[in-house]
All heavy atoms as atom14 arrays in JSON, in Angstrom:
{
  "sequence": "GSLRLSCVVSGSLFSSNSVSWYRQVPGKEREVVAVSDVGGAADYADF",
  "atom14_mask": [
    [1, 1, 1, 1, 0, 0, 0, 0, 0, 0, 0, 0, 0, 0],
    [1, 1, 1, 1, 1, 1, 0, 0, 0, 0, 0, 0, 0, 0],
    [1, 1, 1, 1, 1, 1, 1, 1, 0, 0, 0, 0, 0, 0],
    [1, 1, 1, 1, 1, 1, 1, 1, 1, 1, 1, 0, 0, 0],
    [1, 1, 1, 1, 1, 1, 1, 1, 0, 0, 0, 0, 0, 0],
    [1, 1, 1, 1, 1, 1, 0, 0, 0, 0, 0, 0, 0, 0],
    [1, 1, 1, 1, 1, 1, 0, 0, 0, 0, 0, 0, 0, 0],
    [1, 1, 1, 1, 1, 1, 1, 0, 0, 0, 0, 0, 0, 0],
    [1, 1, 1, 1, 1, 1, 1, 0, 0, 0, 0, 0, 0, 0],
    [1, 1, 1, 1, 1, 1, 0, 0, 0, 0, 0, 0, 0, 0],
    [1, 1, 1, 1, 0, 0, 0, 0, 0, 0, 0, 0, 0, 0],
    [1, 1, 1, 1, 1, 1, 0, 0, 0, 0, 0, 0, 0, 0],
    [1, 1, 1, 1, 1, 1, 1, 1, 0, 0, 0, 0, 0, 0],
    [1, 1, 1, 1, 1, 1, 1, 1, 1, 1, 1, 0, 0, 0],
    [1, 1, 1, 1, 1, 1, 0, 0, 0, 0, 0, 0, 0, 0],
    [1, 1, 1, 1, 1, 1, 0, 0, 0, 0, 0, 0, 0, 0],
    [1, 1, 1, 1, 1, 1, 1, 1, 0, 0, 0, 0, 0, 0],
    [1, 1, 1, 1, 1, 1, 0, 0, 0, 0, 0, 0, 0, 0],
    [1, 1, 1, 1, 1, 1, 1, 0, 0, 0, 0, 0, 0, 0],
    [1, 1, 1, 1, 1, 1, 0, 0, 0, 0, 0, 0, 0, 0],
    [1, 1, 1, 1, 1, 1, 1, 1, 1, 1, 1, 1, 1, 1],
    [1, 1, 1, 1, 1, 1, 1, 1, 1, 1, 1, 1, 0, 0],
    [1, 1, 1, 1, 1, 1, 1, 1, 1, 1, 1, 0, 0, 0],
    [1, 1, 1, 1, 1, 1, 1, 1, 1, 0, 0, 0, 0, 0],
    [1, 1, 1, 1, 1, 1, 1, 0, 0, 0, 0, 0, 0, 0],
    [1, 1, 1, 1, 1, 1, 1, 0, 0, 0, 0, 0, 0, 0],
    [1, 1, 1, 1, 0, 0, 0, 0, 0, 0, 0, 0, 0, 0],
    [1, 1, 1, 1, 1, 1, 1, 1, 1, 0, 0, 0, 0, 0],
    [1, 1, 1, 1, 1, 1, 1, 1, 1, 0, 0, 0, 0, 0],
    [1, 1, 1, 1, 1, 1, 1, 1, 1, 1, 1, 0, 0, 0],
    [1, 1, 1, 1, 1, 1, 1, 1, 1, 0, 0, 0, 0, 0],
    [1, 1, 1, 1, 1, 1, 1, 0, 0, 0, 0, 0, 0, 0],
    [1, 1, 1, 1, 1, 1, 1, 0, 0, 0, 0, 0, 0, 0],
    [1, 1, 1, 1, 1, 0, 0, 0, 0, 0, 0, 0, 0, 0],
    [1, 1, 1, 1, 1, 1, 1, 0, 0, 0, 0, 0, 0, 0],
    [1, 1, 1, 1, 1, 1, 0, 0, 0, 0, 0, 0, 0, 0],
    [1, 1, 1, 1, 1, 1, 1, 1, 0, 0, 0, 0, 0, 0],
    [1, 1, 1, 1, 1, 1, 1, 0, 0, 0, 0, 0, 0, 0],
    [1, 1, 1, 1, 0, 0, 0, 0, 0, 0, 0, 0, 0, 0],
    [1, 1, 1, 1, 0, 0, 0, 0, 0, 0, 0, 0, 0, 0],
    [1, 1, 1, 1, 1, 0, 0, 0, 0, 0, 0, 0, 0, 0],
    [1, 1, 1, 1, 1, 0, 0, 0, 0, 0, 0, 0, 0, 0],
    [1, 1, 1, 1, 1, 1, 1, 1, 0, 0, 0, 0, 0, 0],
    [1, 1, 1, 1, 1, 1, 1, 1, 1, 1, 1, 1, 0, 0],
    [1, 1, 1, 1, 1, 0, 0, 0, 0, 0, 0, 0, 0, 0],
    [1, 1, 1, 1, 1, 1, 1, 1, 0, 0, 0, 0, 0, 0],
    [1, 1, 1, 1, 1, 1, 1, 1, 1, 1, 1, 0, 0, 0]
  ],
  "atom14_positions": [
    [[7.94, -17.19, -7.31], [7.41, -16.36, -8.48], [7.16, -14.97, -8.08], [7.43, -14.49, -7.06], [0.0, 0.0, 0.0], [0.0, 0.0, 0.0], [0.0, 0.0, 0.0], [0.0, 0.0, 0.0], [0.0, 0.0, 0.0], [0.0, 0.0, 0.0], [0.0, 0.0, 0.0], [0.0, 0.0, 0.0], [0.0, 0.0, 0.0], [0.0, 0.0, 0.0]],
    [[6.6, -14.3, -9.05], [6.28, -12.79, -8.9], [4.94, -12.43, -9.44], [4.39, -13.06, -10.28], [7.38, -12.04, -9.77], [8.73, -12.17, -9.31], [0.0, 0.0, 0.0], [0.0, 0.0, 0.0], [0.0, 0.0, 0.0], [0.0, 0.0, 0.0], [0.0, 0.0, 0.0], [0.0, 0.0, 0.0], [0.0, 0.0, 0.0], [0.0, 0.0, 0.0]],
    [[4.4, -11.41, -8.84], [3.11, -10.69, -9.24], [3.32, -9.17, -9.09], [4.12, -8.81, -8.36], [1.93, -11.22, -8.39], [1.39, -12.55, -8.67], [0.31, -12.8, -7.64], [0.86, -12.76, -10.0], [0.0, 0.0, 0.0], [0.0, 0.0, 0.0], [0.0, 0.0, 0.0], [0.0, 0.0, 0.0], [0.0, 0.0, 0.0], [0.0, 0.0, 0.0]],
    [[2.56, -8.53, -9.87], [2.46, -6.96, -9.76], [0.99, -6.64, -9.5], [0.25, -6.78, -10.45], [3.09, -6.24, -10.93], [3.34, -4.84, -10.62], [3.85, -4.02, -11.77], [3.06, -3.78, -12.79], [3.25, -2.97, -13.87], [4.3, -2.17, -13.78], [2.33, -2.84, -14.84], [0.0, 0.0, 0.0], [0.0, 0.0, 0.0], [0.0, 0.0, 0.0]],
    [[0.78, -6.04, -8.34], [-0.46, -5.54, -8.16], [-0.6, -4.12, -8.57], [0.45, -3.28, -8.3], [-0.72, -5.59, -6.68], [-0.65, -7.03, -6.0], [-1.08, -6.93, -4.5], [-1.47, -8.09, -6.67], [0.0, 0.0, 0.0], [0.0, 0.0, 0.0], [0.0, 0.0, 0.0], [0.0, 0.0, 0.0], [0.0, 0.0, 0.0], [0.0, 0.0, 0.0]],
    [[-1.82, -3.65, -8.91], [-1.96, -2.22, -9.4], [-3.09, -1.65, -8.66], [-4.18, -2.44, -8.39], [-2.2, -2.03, -10.89], [-1.08, -2.54, -11.61], [0.0, 0.0, 0.0], [0.0, 0.0, 0.0], [0.0, 0.0, 0.0], [0.0, 0.0, 0.0], [0.0, 0.0, 0.0], [0.0, 0.0, 0.0], [0.0, 0.0, 0.0], [0.0, 0.0, 0.0]],
    [[-3.1, -0.34, -8.31], [-4.26, 0.39, -7.64], [-4.36, 1.63, -8.36], [-3.51, 2.45, -8.19], [-3.99, 0.44, -6.22], [-5.32, 1.27, -5.32], [0.0, 0.0, 0.0], [0.0, 0.0, 0.0], [0.0, 0.0, 0.0], [0.0, 0.0, 0.0], [0.0, 0.0, 0.0], [0.0, 0.0, 0.0], [0.0, 0.0, 0.0], [0.0, 0.0, 0.0]],
    [[-5.52, 1.89, -9.1], [-5.72, 3.17, -9.66], [-6.59, 3.94, -8.62], [-7.58, 3.5, -8.21], [-6.57, 3.03, -10.99], [-6.77, 4.41, -11.6], [-5.83, 2.12, -11.88], [0.0, 0.0, 0.0], [0.0, 0.0, 0.0], [0.0, 0.0, 0.0], [0.0, 0.0, 0.0], [0.0, 0.0, 0.0], [0.0, 0.0, 0.0], [0.0, 0.0, 0.0]],
    [[-6.11, 5.13, -8.46], [-6.61, 5.96, -7.34], [-7.21, 7.22, -7.89], [-6.66, 7.88, -8.83], [-5.56, 6.3, -6.27], [-6.05, 7.1, -5.14], [-4.96, 5.05, -5.8], [0.0, 0.0, 0.0], [0.0, 0.0, 0.0], [0.0, 0.0, 0.0], [0.0, 0.0, 0.0], [0.0, 0.0, 0.0], [0.0, 0.0, 0.0], [0.0, 0.0, 0.0]],
    [[-8.28, 7.68, -7.35], [-8.88, 9.01, -7.67], [-7.83, 10.06, -7.68], [-7.11, 10.21, -6.65], [-10.08, 9.32, -6.95], [-10.6, 10.73, -7.18], [0.0, 0.0, 0.0], [0.0, 0.0, 0.0], [0.0, 0.0, 0.0], [0.0, 0.0, 0.0], [0.0, 0.0, 0.0], [0.0, 0.0, 0.0], [0.0, 0.0, 0.0], [0.0, 0.0, 0.0]],
    [[-7.77, 10.85, -8.68], [-6.59, 11.96, -8.75], [-6.55, 12.76, -7.52], [-5.42, 13.11, -6.97], [0.0, 0.0, 0.0], [0.0, 0.0, 0.0], [0.0, 0.0, 0.0], [0.0, 0.0, 0.0], [0.0, 0.0, 0.0], [0.0, 0.0, 0.0], [0.0, 0.0, 0.0], [0.0, 0.0, 0.0], [0.0, 0.0, 0.0], [0.0, 0.0, 0.0]],
    [[-7.65, 13.24, -6.97], [-7.52, 14.12, -5.89], [-7.0, 13.36, -4.5], [-6.27, 14.06, -3.72], [-8.91, 14.71, -5.34], [-9.83, 13.66, -5.14], [0.0, 0.0, 0.0], [0.0, 0.0, 0.0], [0.0, 0.0, 0.0], [0.0, 0.0, 0.0], [0.0, 0.0, 0.0], [0.0, 0.0, 0.0], [0.0, 0.0, 0.0], [0.0, 0.0, 0.0]],
    [[-7.33, 12.17, -4.41], [-6.59, 11.41, -3.35], [-5.24, 11.03, -3.51], [-4.52, 11.18, -2.66], [-7.52, 10.06, -3.13], [-8.95, 10.09, -2.72], [-9.69, 8.79, -2.59], [-9.02, 10.82, -1.37], [0.0, 0.0, 0.0], [0.0, 0.0, 0.0], [0.0, 0.0, 0.0], [0.0, 0.0, 0.0], [0.0, 0.0, 0.0], [0.0, 0.0, 0.0]],
    [[-4.92, 10.62, -4.76], [-3.62, 10.31, -5.17], [-2.56, 11.36, -4.92], [-1.46, 11.17, -4.43], [-3.46, 9.74, -6.6], [-2.19, 9.11, -6.94], [-2.03, 7.76, -6.69], [-1.2, 9.89, -7.59], [-0.71, 7.21, -7.1], [0.01, 9.28, -7.95], [0.15, 7.94, -7.74], [0.0, 0.0, 0.0], [0.0, 0.0, 0.0], [0.0, 0.0, 0.0]],
    [[-2.85, 12.58, -5.37], [-1.86, 13.68, -5.19], [-1.71, 14.23, -3.99], [-0.73, 14.87, -3.78], [-2.44, 14.79, -6.18], [-3.6, 15.27, -5.82], [0.0, 0.0, 0.0], [0.0, 0.0, 0.0], [0.0, 0.0, 0.0], [0.0, 0.0, 0.0], [0.0, 0.0, 0.0], [0.0, 0.0, 0.0], [0.0, 0.0, 0.0], [0.0, 0.0, 0.0]],
    [[-2.51, 13.91, -2.98], [-2.49, 14.67, -1.62], [-2.27, 13.76, -0.47], [-2.14, 14.17, 0.66], [-3.81, 15.33, -1.5], [-4.07, 16.37, -2.54], [0.0, 0.0, 0.0], [0.0, 0.0, 0.0], [0.0, 0.0, 0.0], [0.0, 0.0, 0.0], [0.0, 0.0, 0.0], [0.0, 0.0, 0.0], [0.0, 0.0, 0.0], [0.0, 0.0, 0.0]],
    [[-2.15, 12.39, -0.66], [-2.12, 11.49, 0.4], [-1.05, 10.43, 0.05], [-0.89, 9.94, -1.04], [-3.56, 10.92, 0.65], [-4.58, 11.85, 1.04], [-4.57, 12.38, 2.16], [-5.35, 12.37, 0.1], [0.0, 0.0, 0.0], [0.0, 0.0, 0.0], [0.0, 0.0, 0.0], [0.0, 0.0, 0.0], [0.0, 0.0, 0.0], [0.0, 0.0, 0.0]],
    [[-0.7, 9.69, 1.19], [-0.03, 8.48, 1.0], [-0.92, 7.38, 0.51], [-2.08, 7.34, 0.87], [0.71, 7.99, 2.37], [1.58, 9.09, 2.76], [0.0, 0.0, 0.0], [0.0, 0.0, 0.0], [0.0, 0.0, 0.0], [0.0, 0.0, 0.0], [0.0, 0.0, 0.0], [0.0, 0.0, 0.0], [0.0, 0.0, 0.0], [0.0, 0.0, 0.0]],
    [[-0.28, 6.44, -0.15], [-1.07, 5.18, -0.52], [-0.29, 3.93, 0.11], [0.9, 3.91, 0.09], [-1.13, 5.11, -2.05], [-1.92, 3.89, -2.56], [-1.75, 6.39, -2.66], [0.0, 0.0, 0.0], [0.0, 0.0, 0.0], [0.0, 0.0, 0.0], [0.0, 0.0, 0.0], [0.0, 0.0, 0.0], [0.0, 0.0, 0.0], [0.0, 0.0, 0.0]],
    [[-1.06, 3.06, 0.49], [-0.57, 1.89, 1.25], [-1.26, 0.57, 0.8], [-2.27, 0.58, 0.21], [-0.89, 1.94, 2.72], [-0.37, 3.1, 3.42], [0.0, 0.0, 0.0], [0.0, 0.0, 0.0], [0.0, 0.0, 0.0], [0.0, 0.0, 0.0], [0.0, 0.0, 0.0], [0.0, 0.0, 0.0], [0.0, 0.0, 0.0], [0.0, 0.0, 0.0]],
    [[-0.37, -0.44, 0.86], [-0.96, -1.89, 0.61], [-0.99, -2.57, 1.97], [0.02, -2.51, 2.75], [0.01, -2.64, -0.43], [0.02, -2.18, -1.71], [0.74, -1.36, -2.45], [-1.06, -2.66, -2.64], [0.27, -1.2, -3.8], [-0.84, -2.02, -3.9], [-2.14, -3.34, -2.64], [-1.62, -2.18, -5.0], [-3.0, -3.63, -3.7], [-2.64, -2.96, -5.03]],
    [[-2.1, -3.21, 2.17], [-2.39, -4.01, 3.36], [-2.72, -5.45, 2.89], [-3.08, -5.67, 1.77], [-3.38, -3.52, 4.18], [-3.23, -2.37, 4.97], [-3.0, -1.07, 4.5], [-3.1, -2.48, 6.37], [-2.77, -0.04, 5.32], [-3.01, -1.28, 7.2], [-2.81, -0.1, 6.58], [-2.65, 1.1, 7.43], [0.0, 0.0, 0.0], [0.0, 0.0, 0.0]],
    [[-2.62, -6.4, 3.82], [-3.11, -7.74, 3.44], [-3.72, -8.44, 4.67], [-3.43, -7.88, 5.85], [-1.93, -8.67, 3.01], [-0.98, -8.97, 4.03], [0.32, -9.79, 3.55], [1.19, -10.4, 4.43], [2.33, -10.81, 4.12], [2.87, -11.08, 2.82], [3.1, -11.42, 5.24], [0.0, 0.0, 0.0], [0.0, 0.0, 0.0], [0.0, 0.0, 0.0]],
    [[-4.63, -9.25, 4.47], [-5.31, -9.93, 5.52], [-5.72, -11.38, 5.14], [-6.0, -11.74, 4.01], [-6.65, -9.19, 5.77], [-7.5, -9.6, 6.94], [-8.69, -8.67, 7.18], [-9.06, -8.04, 6.33], [-8.96, -8.59, 8.55], [0.0, 0.0, 0.0], [0.0, 0.0, 0.0], [0.0, 0.0, 0.0], [0.0, 0.0, 0.0], [0.0, 0.0, 0.0]],
    [[-5.5, -12.24, 6.17], [-5.97, -13.64, 5.96], [-7.04, -13.92, 6.93], [-7.34, -13.09, 7.9], [-4.88, -14.65, 6.36], [-3.71, -14.48, 5.32], [-4.26, -14.52, 7.71], [0.0, 0.0, 0.0], [0.0, 0.0, 0.0], [0.0, 0.0, 0.0], [0.0, 0.0, 0.0], [0.0, 0.0, 0.0], [0.0, 0.0, 0.0], [0.0, 0.0, 0.0]],
    [[-7.93, -15.03, 6.8], [-9.06, -15.16, 7.6], [-8.75, -15.35, 8.94], [-7.71, -16.07, 9.31], [-9.67, -16.39, 7.0], [-9.24, -16.33, 5.54], [-7.95, -15.77, 5.52], [0.0, 0.0, 0.0], [0.0, 0.0, 0.0], [0.0, 0.0, 0.0], [0.0, 0.0, 0.0], [0.0, 0.0, 0.0], [0.0, 0.0, 0.0], [0.0, 0.0, 0.0]],
    [[-9.4, -14.65, 9.93], [-9.15, -14.73, 11.38], [-8.09, -13.9, 11.88], [-7.71, -13.94, 13.06], [0.0, 0.0, 0.0], [0.0, 0.0, 0.0], [0.0, 0.0, 0.0], [0.0, 0.0, 0.0], [0.0, 0.0, 0.0], [0.0, 0.0, 0.0], [0.0, 0.0, 0.0], [0.0, 0.0, 0.0], [0.0, 0.0, 0.0], [0.0, 0.0, 0.0]],
    [[-7.37, -13.22, 10.91], [-6.24, -12.32, 11.4], [-6.52, -10.94, 11.1], [-7.43, -10.51, 10.37], [-4.98, -12.75, 10.73], [-4.61, -14.18, 10.9], [-4.11, -14.49, 12.26], [-3.61, -15.88, 12.54], [-3.16, -16.1, 13.98], [0.0, 0.0, 0.0], [0.0, 0.0, 0.0], [0.0, 0.0, 0.0], [0.0, 0.0, 0.0], [0.0, 0.0, 0.0]],
    [[-5.9, -9.95, 11.82], [-6.02, -8.55, 11.56], [-5.41, -8.2, 10.23], [-4.39, -8.78, 9.76], [-5.33, -7.76, 12.63], [-5.99, -7.87, 14.05], [-5.29, -6.99, 15.18], [-4.29, -6.38, 14.82], [-5.83, -6.83, 16.23], [0.0, 0.0, 0.0], [0.0, 0.0, 0.0], [0.0, 0.0, 0.0], [0.0, 0.0, 0.0], [0.0, 0.0, 0.0]],
    [[-5.91, -7.18, 9.63], [-5.31, -6.56, 8.4], [-4.05, -5.92, 8.76], [-3.84, -5.13, 9.82], [-6.19, -5.58, 7.83], [-5.8, -5.16, 6.4], [-6.94, -4.36, 5.74], [-8.31, -5.19, 5.51], [-9.39, -4.73, 5.04], [-9.44, -3.56, 4.48], [-10.29, -5.59, 4.95], [0.0, 0.0, 0.0], [0.0, 0.0, 0.0], [0.0, 0.0, 0.0]],
    [[-2.91, -6.15, 8.0], [-1.65, -5.68, 8.37], [-1.0, -4.88, 7.15], [-1.24, -5.33, 6.06], [-0.64, -6.77, 8.68], [-0.39, -7.85, 7.63], [0.43, -9.0, 8.17], [1.17, -8.97, 9.27], [0.52, -10.02, 7.36], [0.0, 0.0, 0.0], [0.0, 0.0, 0.0], [0.0, 0.0, 0.0], [0.0, 0.0, 0.0], [0.0, 0.0, 0.0]],
    [[-0.25, -3.9, 7.56], [0.3, -3.02, 6.47], [1.49, -3.79, 5.9], [2.28, -4.54, 6.56], [0.78, -1.67, 6.97], [1.97, -1.82, 8.06], [1.11, -0.76, 5.93], [0.0, 0.0, 0.0], [0.0, 0.0, 0.0], [0.0, 0.0, 0.0], [0.0, 0.0, 0.0], [0.0, 0.0, 0.0], [0.0, 0.0, 0.0], [0.0, 0.0, 0.0]],
    [[1.67, -3.67, 4.53], [2.7, -4.26, 3.8], [3.74, -3.27, 3.4], [4.92, -3.52, 3.44], [2.15, -4.99, 2.68], [3.29, -5.56, 1.76], [1.22, -6.15, 3.06], [0.0, 0.0, 0.0], [0.0, 0.0, 0.0], [0.0, 0.0, 0.0], [0.0, 0.0, 0.0], [0.0, 0.0, 0.0], [0.0, 0.0, 0.0], [0.0, 0.0, 0.0]],
    [[3.26, -2.14, 2.82], [4.12, -1.08, 2.22], [3.32, 0.2, 2.08], [2.25, 0.25, 2.06], [4.62, -1.52, 0.82], [0.0, 0.0, 0.0], [0.0, 0.0, 0.0], [0.0, 0.0, 0.0], [0.0, 0.0, 0.0], [0.0, 0.0, 0.0], [0.0, 0.0, 0.0], [0.0, 0.0, 0.0], [0.0, 0.0, 0.0], [0.0, 0.0, 0.0]],
    [[4.13, 1.25, 2.29], [3.49, 2.71, 2.21], [4.35, 3.49, 1.31], [5.57, 3.45, 1.3], [3.51, 3.28, 3.62], [2.87, 4.68, 3.47], [2.78, 2.39, 4.59], [0.0, 0.0, 0.0], [0.0, 0.0, 0.0], [0.0, 0.0, 0.0], [0.0, 0.0, 0.0], [0.0, 0.0, 0.0], [0.0, 0.0, 0.0], [0.0, 0.0, 0.0]],
    [[3.7, 4.23, 0.42], [4.27, 5.27, -0.41], [3.76, 6.59, -0.07], [2.43, 6.84, -0.32], [4.06, 4.92, -1.93], [4.65, 5.82, -2.73], [0.0, 0.0, 0.0], [0.0, 0.0, 0.0], [0.0, 0.0, 0.0], [0.0, 0.0, 0.0], [0.0, 0.0, 0.0], [0.0, 0.0, 0.0], [0.0, 0.0, 0.0], [0.0, 0.0, 0.0]],
    [[4.62, 7.56, 0.3], [4.06, 8.85, 0.61], [3.92, 9.79, -0.58], [4.28, 9.37, -1.59], [4.98, 9.42, 1.67], [6.38, 9.9, 1.3], [6.59, 9.97, 0.1], [7.2, 10.13, 2.1], [0.0, 0.0, 0.0], [0.0, 0.0, 0.0], [0.0, 0.0, 0.0], [0.0, 0.0, 0.0], [0.0, 0.0, 0.0], [0.0, 0.0, 0.0]],
    [[3.45, 10.95, -0.4], [3.24, 11.79, -1.45], [4.46, 12.12, -2.38], [4.36, 12.2, -3.58], [2.65, 13.17, -1.0], [2.41, 14.08, -2.1], [1.42, 12.92, -0.28], [0.0, 0.0, 0.0], [0.0, 0.0, 0.0], [0.0, 0.0, 0.0], [0.0, 0.0, 0.0], [0.0, 0.0, 0.0], [0.0, 0.0, 0.0], [0.0, 0.0, 0.0]],
    [[5.71, 12.07, -1.7], [6.84, 12.28, -2.42], [7.49, 11.18, -3.09], [8.55, 11.25, -3.75], [0.0, 0.0, 0.0], [0.0, 0.0, 0.0], [0.0, 0.0, 0.0], [0.0, 0.0, 0.0], [0.0, 0.0, 0.0], [0.0, 0.0, 0.0], [0.0, 0.0, 0.0], [0.0, 0.0, 0.0], [0.0, 0.0, 0.0], [0.0, 0.0, 0.0]],
    [[6.83, 9.94, -2.75], [7.36, 8.74, -3.41], [8.29, 7.97, -2.51], [8.69, 6.76, -2.93], [0.0, 0.0, 0.0], [0.0, 0.0, 0.0], [0.0, 0.0, 0.0], [0.0, 0.0, 0.0], [0.0, 0.0, 0.0], [0.0, 0.0, 0.0], [0.0, 0.0, 0.0], [0.0, 0.0, 0.0], [0.0, 0.0, 0.0], [0.0, 0.0, 0.0]],
    [[8.55, 8.43, -1.4], [9.37, 7.65, -0.35], [8.59, 6.48, 0.08], [7.37, 6.47, 0.29], [9.71, 8.43, 0.87], [0.0, 0.0, 0.0], [0.0, 0.0, 0.0], [0.0, 0.0, 0.0], [0.0, 0.0, 0.0], [0.0, 0.0, 0.0], [0.0, 0.0, 0.0], [0.0, 0.0, 0.0], [0.0, 0.0, 0.0], [0.0, 0.0, 0.0]],
    [[9.23, 5.27, 0.18], [8.69, 3.96, 0.58], [9.07, 3.53, 1.9], [10.18, 3.75, 2.42], [8.9, 2.96, -0.55], [0.0, 0.0, 0.0], [0.0, 0.0, 0.0], [0.0, 0.0, 0.0], [0.0, 0.0, 0.0], [0.0, 0.0, 0.0], [0.0, 0.0, 0.0], [0.0, 0.0, 0.0], [0.0, 0.0, 0.0], [0.0, 0.0, 0.0]],
    [[8.2, 2.8, 2.49], [8.45, 2.04, 3.73], [7.9, 0.71, 3.69], [6.66, 0.52, 2.94], [7.97, 2.88, 5.05], [8.51, 2.37, 6.29], [9.44, 1.73, 6.27], [8.07, 2.86, 7.32], [0.0, 0.0, 0.0], [0.0, 0.0, 0.0], [0.0, 0.0, 0.0], [0.0, 0.0, 0.0], [0.0, 0.0, 0.0], [0.0, 0.0, 0.0]],
    [[8.44, -0.33, 4.41], [8.0, -1.67, 4.14], [7.95, -2.39, 5.41], [8.81, -2.12, 6.38], [8.94, -2.37, 3.22], [9.05, -1.85, 1.81], [9.99, -0.82, 1.52], [8.18, -2.28, 0.9], [10.2, -0.39, 0.26], [8.36, -1.73, -0.37], [9.29, -0.78, -0.74], [9.42, -0.27, -1.99], [0.0, 0.0, 0.0], [0.0, 0.0, 0.0]],
    [[7.01, -3.35, 5.55], [7.05, -4.25, 6.69], [8.23, -5.11, 6.67], [8.73, -5.42, 5.49], [5.73, -5.15, 6.73], [0.0, 0.0, 0.0], [0.0, 0.0, 0.0], [0.0, 0.0, 0.0], [0.0, 0.0, 0.0], [0.0, 0.0, 0.0], [0.0, 0.0, 0.0], [0.0, 0.0, 0.0], [0.0, 0.0, 0.0], [0.0, 0.0, 0.0]],
    [[8.76, -5.62, 7.67], [9.95, -6.38, 7.76], [9.7, -7.67, 6.95], [10.75, -8.08, 6.34], [10.29, -6.8, 9.21], [10.9, -5.58, 9.99], [11.38, -4.56, 9.35], [10.97, -5.6, 11.19], [0.0, 0.0, 0.0], [0.0, 0.0, 0.0], [0.0, 0.0, 0.0], [0.0, 0.0, 0.0], [0.0, 0.0, 0.0], [0.0, 0.0, 0.0]],
    [[8.71, -8.19, 6.93], [8.38, -9.56, 6.35], [8.56, -9.43, 4.8], [8.55, -10.48, 4.13], [7.28, -10.21, 6.78], [5.91, -9.43, 6.71], [5.27, -9.38, 5.53], [5.42, -8.72, 7.88], [4.06, -8.68, 5.49], [4.32, -8.04, 7.81], [3.66, -8.05, 6.56], [0.0, 0.0, 0.0], [0.0, 0.0, 0.0], [0.0, 0.0, 0.0]]
  ]
}
């Protein structure tokens, strides 16, 4: 199935910085899932 997550960011932060999604399960380190830079370019974890 599918889900869409949303994150509303303060304007000053949103316009000047990359925004990332991380995930974490109990007992494990938080890991990066995806990154969107200021220009909109995206990068993803292999999984």
